[in-house]
Amino acid sequence: AIHHGPKPTIARVQGVALGGGVGLAAACDIAIA
């Protein structure tokens, strides 16, 4: 739902992204950390 949705998505990443948190960032179109 995150990755294939029609709207552009941005992951706003601070602190840590671990395990599935990396997956959430990777599923977004753009990631800024």
PDB file of all heavy atoms in Angstrom:
ATOM      1  N   ALA A   1       0.833  -1.207   0.000  1.00  0.00           N
ATOM      2  CA  ALA A   1       0.000   0.000   0.000  1.00  0.00           C
ATOM      3  C   ALA A   1       0.867   1.256   0.000  1.00  0.00           C
ATOM      4  O   ALA A   1       0.515   2.268  -0.616  1.00  0.00           O
ATOM      5  CB  ALA A   1      -0.936  -0.003   1.211  1.00  0.00           C
ATOM      6  N   ILE A   2       2.007   1.199   0.689  1.00  0.00           N
ATOM      7  CA  ILE A   2       2.939   2.326   0.696  1.00  0.00           C
ATOM      8  C   ILE A   2       3.611   2.457  -0.661  1.00  0.00           C
ATOM      9  O   ILE A   2       3.685   3.537  -1.251  1.00  0.00           O
ATOM     10  CB  ILE A   2       3.987   2.149   1.807  1.00  0.00           C
ATOM     11  CG1 ILE A   2       3.330   2.204   3.193  1.00  0.00           C
ATOM     12  CG2 ILE A   2       5.084   3.208   1.701  1.00  0.00           C
ATOM     13  CD1 ILE A   2       4.260   1.873   4.342  1.00  0.00           C
ATOM     14  N   HIS A   3       4.126   1.335  -1.174  1.00  0.00           N
ATOM     15  CA  HIS A   3       4.983   1.367  -2.352  1.00  0.00           C
ATOM     16  C   HIS A   3       4.205   1.559  -3.647  1.00  0.00           C
ATOM     17  O   HIS A   3       4.652   2.291  -4.541  1.00  0.00           O
ATOM     18  CB  HIS A   3       5.784   0.064  -2.431  1.00  0.00           C
ATOM     19  CG  HIS A   3       6.776   0.035  -3.546  1.00  0.00           C
ATOM     20  ND1 HIS A   3       7.923   0.800  -3.533  1.00  0.00           N
ATOM     21  CD2 HIS A   3       6.798  -0.663  -4.706  1.00  0.00           C
ATOM     22  CE1 HIS A   3       8.610   0.571  -4.638  1.00  0.00           C
ATOM     23  NE2 HIS A   3       7.952  -0.300  -5.369  1.00  0.00           N
ATOM     24  N   HIS A   4       3.061   0.912  -3.779  1.00  0.00           N
ATOM     25  CA  HIS A   4       2.342   0.904  -5.043  1.00  0.00           C
ATOM     26  C   HIS A   4       1.243   1.961  -5.121  1.00  0.00           C
ATOM     27  O   HIS A   4       0.578   2.056  -6.162  1.00  0.00           O
ATOM     28  CB  HIS A   4       1.734  -0.470  -5.291  1.00  0.00           C
ATOM     29  CG  HIS A   4       2.754  -1.551  -5.486  1.00  0.00           C
ATOM     30  ND1 HIS A   4       3.655  -1.542  -6.519  1.00  0.00           N
ATOM     31  CD2 HIS A   4       3.028  -2.664  -4.759  1.00  0.00           C
ATOM     32  CE1 HIS A   4       4.442  -2.614  -6.443  1.00  0.00           C
ATOM     33  NE2 HIS A   4       4.079  -3.302  -5.378  1.00  0.00           N
ATOM     34  N   GLY A   5       1.040   2.730  -4.071  1.00  0.00           N
ATOM     35  CA  GLY A   5       0.020   3.762  -4.113  1.00  0.00           C
ATOM     36  C   GLY A   5       0.329   4.806  -5.167  1.00  0.00           C
ATOM     37  O   GLY A   5       1.477   4.967  -5.598  1.00  0.00           O
ATOM     38  N   PRO A   6      -0.668   5.560  -5.615  1.00  0.00           N
ATOM     39  CA  PRO A   6      -0.474   6.520  -6.709  1.00  0.00           C
ATOM     40  C   PRO A   6       0.233   7.804  -6.301  1.00  0.00           C
ATOM     41  O   PRO A   6       0.684   8.553  -7.168  1.00  0.00           O
ATOM     42  CB  PRO A   6      -1.910   6.818  -7.145  1.00  0.00           C
ATOM     43  CG  PRO A   6      -2.725   6.615  -5.897  1.00  0.00           C
ATOM     44  CD  PRO A   6      -2.071   5.467  -5.189  1.00  0.00           C
ATOM     45  N   LYS A   7       0.333   8.077  -4.995  1.00  0.00           N
ATOM     46  CA  LYS A   7       0.932   9.328  -4.543  1.00  0.00           C
ATOM     47  C   LYS A   7       2.427   9.139  -4.277  1.00  0.00           C
ATOM     48  O   LYS A   7       2.848   8.106  -3.745  1.00  0.00           O
ATOM     49  CB  LYS A   7       0.279   9.804  -3.242  1.00  0.00           C
ATOM     50  CG  LYS A   7      -1.226   9.666  -3.167  1.00  0.00           C
ATOM     51  CD  LYS A   7      -1.955  10.674  -4.017  1.00  0.00           C
ATOM     52  CE  LYS A   7      -3.469  10.564  -3.794  1.00  0.00           C
ATOM     53  NZ  LYS A   7      -4.229  11.527  -4.601  1.00  0.00           N
ATOM     54  N   PRO A   8       3.265  10.130  -4.594  1.00  0.00           N
ATOM     55  CA  PRO A   8       4.665  10.064  -4.203  1.00  0.00           C
ATOM     56  C   PRO A   8       4.791  10.011  -2.677  1.00  0.00           C
ATOM     57  O   PRO A   8       4.048  10.684  -1.955  1.00  0.00           O
ATOM     58  CB  PRO A   8       5.262  11.363  -4.749  1.00  0.00           C
ATOM     59  CG  PRO A   8       4.314  11.809  -5.813  1.00  0.00           C
ATOM     60  CD  PRO A   8       2.959  11.352  -5.369  1.00  0.00           C
ATOM     61  N   THR A   9       5.731   9.198  -2.201  1.00  0.00           N
ATOM     62  CA  THR A   9       5.919   9.026  -0.762  1.00  0.00           C
ATOM     63  C   THR A   9       7.343   9.385  -0.374  1.00  0.00           C
ATOM     64  O   THR A   9       8.298   9.123  -1.111  1.00  0.00           O
ATOM     65  CB  THR A   9       5.626   7.579  -0.342  1.00  0.00           C
ATOM     66  OG1 THR A   9       6.406   6.682  -1.144  1.00  0.00           O
ATOM     67  CG2 THR A   9       4.155   7.248  -0.520  1.00  0.00           C
ATOM     68  N   ILE A  10       7.473   9.980   0.821  1.00  0.00           N
ATOM     69  CA  ILE A  10       8.782  10.376   1.360  1.00  0.00           C
ATOM     70  C   ILE A  10       8.933   9.764   2.743  1.00  0.00           C
ATOM     71  O   ILE A  10       8.051   9.918   3.597  1.00  0.00           O
ATOM     72  CB  ILE A  10       8.909  11.912   1.486  1.00  0.00           C
ATOM     73  CG1 ILE A  10       8.622  12.603   0.143  1.00  0.00           C
ATOM     74  CG2 ILE A  10      10.298  12.293   2.004  1.00  0.00           C
ATOM     75  CD1 ILE A  10       8.532  14.126   0.260  1.00  0.00           C
ATOM     76  N   ALA A  11      10.050   9.079   2.979  1.00  0.00           N
ATOM     77  CA  ALA A  11      10.384   8.604   4.325  1.00  0.00           C
ATOM     78  C   ALA A  11      11.271   9.646   4.997  1.00  0.00           C
ATOM     79  O   ALA A  11      12.308  10.033   4.445  1.00  0.00           O
ATOM     80  CB  ALA A  11      11.101   7.263   4.257  1.00  0.00           C
ATOM     81  N   ARG A  12      10.857  10.090   6.165  1.00  0.00           N
ATOM     82  CA  ARG A  12      11.619  11.066   6.968  1.00  0.00           C
ATOM     83  C   ARG A  12      12.276  10.264   8.097  1.00  0.00           C
ATOM     84  O   ARG A  12      11.619   9.887   9.058  1.00  0.00           O
ATOM     85  CB  ARG A  12      10.665  12.125   7.520  1.00  0.00           C
ATOM     86  CG  ARG A  12      11.303  13.142   8.457  1.00  0.00           C
ATOM     87  CD  ARG A  12      10.208  13.931   9.164  1.00  0.00           C
ATOM     88  NE  ARG A  12      10.728  14.935  10.079  1.00  0.00           N
ATOM     89  CZ  ARG A  12      11.118  14.687  11.328  1.00  0.00           C
ATOM     90  NH1 ARG A  12      11.052  13.439  11.804  1.00  0.00           N
ATOM     91  NH2 ARG A  12      11.568  15.656  12.102  1.00  0.00           N
ATOM     92  N   VAL A  13      13.576  10.028   7.982  1.00  0.00           N
ATOM     93  CA  VAL A  13      14.244   9.065   8.851  1.00  0.00           C
ATOM     94  C   VAL A  13      15.199   9.768   9.816  1.00  0.00           C
ATOM     95  O   VAL A  13      16.135  10.450   9.379  1.00  0.00           O
ATOM     96  CB  VAL A  13      15.032   8.029   8.022  1.00  0.00           C
ATOM     97  CG1 VAL A  13      15.672   6.994   8.943  1.00  0.00           C
ATOM     98  CG2 VAL A  13      14.124   7.358   7.003  1.00  0.00           C
ATOM     99  N   GLN A  14      14.957   9.558  11.102  1.00  0.00           N
ATOM    100  CA  GLN A  14      15.875  10.039  12.133  1.00  0.00           C
ATOM    101  C   GLN A  14      16.164   8.904  13.108  1.00  0.00           C
ATOM    102  O   GLN A  14      15.412   7.934  13.169  1.00  0.00           O
ATOM    103  CB  GLN A  14      15.279  11.247  12.881  1.00  0.00           C
ATOM    104  CG  GLN A  14      14.350  10.929  14.043  1.00  0.00           C
ATOM    105  CD  GLN A  14      12.962  10.483  13.621  1.00  0.00           C
ATOM    106  OE1 GLN A  14      12.704  10.186  12.468  1.00  0.00           O
ATOM    107  NE2 GLN A  14      12.041  10.438  14.589  1.00  0.00           N
ATOM    108  N   GLY A  15      17.259   8.994  13.814  1.00  0.00           N
ATOM    109  CA  GLY A  15      17.578   7.979  14.817  1.00  0.00           C
ATOM    110  C   GLY A  15      17.963   6.664  14.178  1.00  0.00           C
ATOM    111  O   GLY A  15      19.020   6.552  13.562  1.00  0.00           O
ATOM    112  N   VAL A  16      17.096   5.659  14.300  1.00  0.00           N
ATOM    113  CA  VAL A  16      17.391   4.352  13.740  1.00  0.00           C
ATOM    114  C   VAL A  16      16.255   3.870  12.856  1.00  0.00           C
ATOM    115  O   VAL A  16      15.089   4.209  13.060  1.00  0.00           O
ATOM    116  CB  VAL A  16      17.655   3.287  14.840  1.00  0.00           C
ATOM    117  CG1 VAL A  16      18.908   3.631  15.632  1.00  0.00           C
ATOM    118  CG2 VAL A  16      16.452   3.126  15.755  1.00  0.00           C
ATOM    119  N   ALA A  17      16.632   3.067  11.857  1.00  0.00           N
ATOM    120  CA  ALA A  17      15.694   2.278  11.069  1.00  0.00           C
ATOM    121  C   ALA A  17      16.247   0.868  11.084  1.00  0.00           C
ATOM    122  O   ALA A  17      17.302   0.607  10.499  1.00  0.00           O
ATOM    123  CB  ALA A  17      15.582   2.809   9.646  1.00  0.00           C
ATOM    124  N   LEU A  18      15.568  -0.012  11.791  1.00  0.00           N
ATOM    125  CA  LEU A  18      16.065  -1.372  11.985  1.00  0.00           C
ATOM    126  C   LEU A  18      15.068  -2.374  11.416  1.00  0.00           C
ATOM    127  O   LEU A  18      13.857  -2.187  11.530  1.00  0.00           O
ATOM    128  CB  LEU A  18      16.279  -1.655  13.473  1.00  0.00           C
ATOM    129  CG  LEU A  18      17.138  -0.658  14.264  1.00  0.00           C
ATOM    130  CD1 LEU A  18      17.194  -1.053  15.728  1.00  0.00           C
ATOM    131  CD2 LEU A  18      18.536  -0.557  13.673  1.00  0.00           C
ATOM    132  N   GLY A  19      15.577  -3.460  10.835  1.00  0.00           N
ATOM    133  CA  GLY A  19      14.707  -4.524  10.351  1.00  0.00           C
ATOM    134  C   GLY A  19      13.616  -3.985   9.452  1.00  0.00           C
ATOM    135  O   GLY A  19      13.876  -3.391   8.401  1.00  0.00           O
ATOM    136  N   GLY A  20      12.366  -4.190   9.869  1.00  0.00           N
ATOM    137  CA  GLY A  20      11.244  -3.706   9.090  1.00  0.00           C
ATOM    138  C   GLY A  20      11.230  -2.207   8.910  1.00  0.00           C
ATOM    139  O   GLY A  20      10.608  -1.696   7.974  1.00  0.00           O
ATOM    140  N   GLY A  21      11.929  -1.467   9.784  1.00  0.00           N
ATOM    141  CA  GLY A  21      12.053  -0.023   9.603  1.00  0.00           C
ATOM    142  C   GLY A  21      12.818   0.316   8.339  1.00  0.00           C
ATOM    143  O   GLY A  21      12.504   1.291   7.650  1.00  0.00           O
ATOM    144  N   VAL A  22      13.832  -0.501   8.016  1.00  0.00           N
ATOM    145  CA  VAL A  22      14.531  -0.343   6.736  1.00  0.00           C
ATOM    146  C   VAL A  22      13.564  -0.623   5.599  1.00  0.00           C
ATOM    147  O   VAL A  22      13.559   0.077   4.582  1.00  0.00           O
ATOM    148  CB  VAL A  22      15.750  -1.283   6.664  1.00  0.00           C
ATOM    149  CG1 VAL A  22      16.389  -1.229   5.279  1.00  0.00           C
ATOM    150  CG2 VAL A  22      16.775  -0.925   7.733  1.00  0.00           C
ATOM    151  N   GLY A  23      12.726  -1.645   5.762  1.00  0.00           N
ATOM    152  CA  GLY A  23      11.736  -1.956   4.741  1.00  0.00           C
ATOM    153  C   GLY A  23      10.775  -0.813   4.495  1.00  0.00           C
ATOM    154  O   GLY A  23      10.431  -0.518   3.342  1.00  0.00           O
ATOM    155  N   LEU A  24      10.344  -0.150   5.551  1.00  0.00           N
ATOM    156  CA  LEU A  24       9.446   0.997   5.399  1.00  0.00           C
ATOM    157  C   LEU A  24      10.117   2.109   4.607  1.00  0.00           C
ATOM    158  O   LEU A  24       9.498   2.712   3.722  1.00  0.00           O
ATOM    159  CB  LEU A  24       9.023   1.518   6.771  1.00  0.00           C
ATOM    160  CG  LEU A  24       8.063   0.647   7.584  1.00  0.00           C
ATOM    161  CD1 LEU A  24       7.923   1.194   9.000  1.00  0.00           C
ATOM    162  CD2 LEU A  24       6.699   0.569   6.911  1.00  0.00           C
ATOM    163  N   ALA A  25      11.383   2.403   4.927  1.00  0.00           N
ATOM    164  CA  ALA A  25      12.108   3.445   4.202  1.00  0.00           C
ATOM    165  C   ALA A  25      12.291   3.064   2.745  1.00  0.00           C
ATOM    166  O   ALA A  25      12.141   3.895   1.837  1.00  0.00           O
ATOM    167  CB  ALA A  25      13.457   3.704   4.864  1.00  0.00           C
ATOM    168  N   ALA A  26      12.611   1.780   2.495  1.00  0.00           N
ATOM    169  CA  ALA A  26      12.838   1.326   1.127  1.00  0.00           C
ATOM    170  C   ALA A  26      11.550   1.281   0.318  1.00  0.00           C
ATOM    171  O   ALA A  26      11.582   1.418  -0.911  1.00  0.00           O
ATOM    172  CB  ALA A  26      13.496  -0.053   1.143  1.00  0.00           C
ATOM    173  N   ALA A  27      10.418   1.090   0.984  1.00  0.00           N
ATOM    174  CA  ALA A  27       9.133   1.040   0.281  1.00  0.00           C
ATOM    175  C   ALA A  27       8.687   2.412  -0.192  1.00  0.00           C
ATOM    176  O   ALA A  27       7.881   2.516  -1.127  1.00  0.00           O
ATOM    177  CB  ALA A  27       8.060   0.422   1.174  1.00  0.00           C
ATOM    178  N   CYS A  28       9.185   3.467   0.440  1.00  0.00           N
ATOM    179  CA  CYS A  28       8.843   4.823   0.018  1.00  0.00           C
ATOM    180  C   CYS A  28       9.628   5.193  -1.237  1.00  0.00           C
ATOM    181  O   CYS A  28      10.714   4.672  -1.492  1.00  0.00           O
ATOM    182  CB  CYS A  28       9.137   5.822   1.138  1.00  0.00           C
ATOM    183  SG  CYS A  28       8.031   5.694   2.560  1.00  0.00           S
ATOM    184  N   ASP A  29       9.099   6.123  -2.015  1.00  0.00           N
ATOM    185  CA  ASP A  29       9.757   6.533  -3.250  1.00  0.00           C
ATOM    186  C   ASP A  29      11.047   7.287  -2.980  1.00  0.00           C
ATOM    187  O   ASP A  29      12.027   7.148  -3.726  1.00  0.00           O
ATOM    188  CB  ASP A  29       8.816   7.423  -4.072  1.00  0.00           C
ATOM    189  CG  ASP A  29       7.535   6.714  -4.453  1.00  0.00           C
ATOM    190  OD1 ASP A  29       7.620   5.550  -4.899  1.00  0.00           O
ATOM    191  OD2 ASP A  29       6.452   7.309  -4.300  1.00  0.00           O
ATOM    192  N   ILE A  30      11.061   8.089  -1.941  1.00  0.00           N
ATOM    193  CA  ILE A  30      12.203   8.943  -1.615  1.00  0.00           C
ATOM    194  C   ILE A  30      12.453   8.830  -0.123  1.00  0.00           C
ATOM    195  O   ILE A  30      11.501   8.811   0.667  1.00  0.00           O
ATOM    196  CB  ILE A  30      11.919  10.410  -2.002  1.00  0.00           C
ATOM    197  CG1 ILE A  30      11.635  10.516  -3.515  1.00  0.00           C
ATOM    198  CG2 ILE A  30      13.069  11.328  -1.610  1.00  0.00           C
ATOM    199  CD1 ILE A  30      11.023  11.835  -3.934  1.00  0.00           C
ATOM    200  N   ALA A  31      13.725   8.746   0.277  1.00  0.00           N
ATOM    201  CA  ALA A  31      14.068   8.665   1.701  1.00  0.00           C
ATOM    202  C   ALA A  31      15.110   9.726   2.024  1.00  0.00           C
ATOM    203  O   ALA A  31      16.128   9.848   1.327  1.00  0.00           O
ATOM    204  CB  ALA A  31      14.595   7.281   2.057  1.00  0.00           C
ATOM    205  N   ILE A  32      14.847  10.479   3.085  1.00  0.00           N
ATOM    206  CA  ILE A  32      15.771  11.514   3.564  1.00  0.00           C
ATOM    207  C   ILE A  32      16.095  11.200   5.011  1.00  0.00           C
ATOM    208  O   ILE A  32      15.198  10.936   5.818  1.00  0.00           O
ATOM    209  CB  ILE A  32      15.142  12.912   3.442  1.00  0.00           C
ATOM    210  CG1 ILE A  32      14.752  13.187   1.982  1.00  0.00           C
ATOM    211  CG2 ILE A  32      16.093  13.990   3.952  1.00  0.00           C
ATOM    212  CD1 ILE A  32      13.986  14.473   1.786  1.00  0.00           C
ATOM    213  N   ALA A  33      17.386  11.209   5.362  1.00  0.00           N
ATOM    214  CA  ALA A  33      17.813  10.798   6.701  1.00  0.00           C
ATOM    215  C   ALA A  33      18.694  11.854   7.339  1.00  0.00           C
ATOM    216  O   ALA A  33      19.342  12.660   6.656  1.00  0.00           O
ATOM    217  CB  ALA A  33      18.583   9.472   6.614  1.00  0.00           C
TER     218      ALA A  33
END
